[in-house]
């Protein structure tokens, strides 16, 4: 398992999505929907799930600049996960706070691996941003071919999303990513 290294996301990115996805981790969820309702995912996430609650507390701590507290909450959530769904959600948040590209790539890949293990409607709307985040992590690591692959997958999955800001954000981010790594 990769060591956790803390990085404070720039929360202004909610107004400027996809600028640096490795840092900001853009799997928008019910927390982000509360902060910016127009970015809500096209599926329900159970706010009573204890893992989601811990991640929500972590987001609040991050937003308040308490990165160490956020990391501790995410670690606690990781230790308390009970299934692949929980692990998918927590791995996404762990990816957000990593200081190195390799660590962010590791945790984003873990989120995808666990989503694939869930393989039901609960994670269907996660795939566009999971692919986008992995594409950005590969791009940051200098893996242009892998970045193109994941940005392409993000484009494909985003085409299936209902119209809205989440779909627009993923489409824009993946198109910009493909543009950066083409050639």
Foldseek 3Di string as FASTA:
>chain_A
DDDFAFDQADVVCLVVPLPQCQQALPLDDPLVCVVPVLQHFPDHDDCPPPLNVLQSVLVVCSVVVNGVSSLVSLVVQCVVDDALQSLLVSLSVSSNTHDDLVSNLVSLVSNVVSLVVVPDPVCLRRQLSSLLNNLSSCVVVVNLVSSLVSLVSSCVSLVVGDDTDNSVSSNVNSVVSNVVSPD
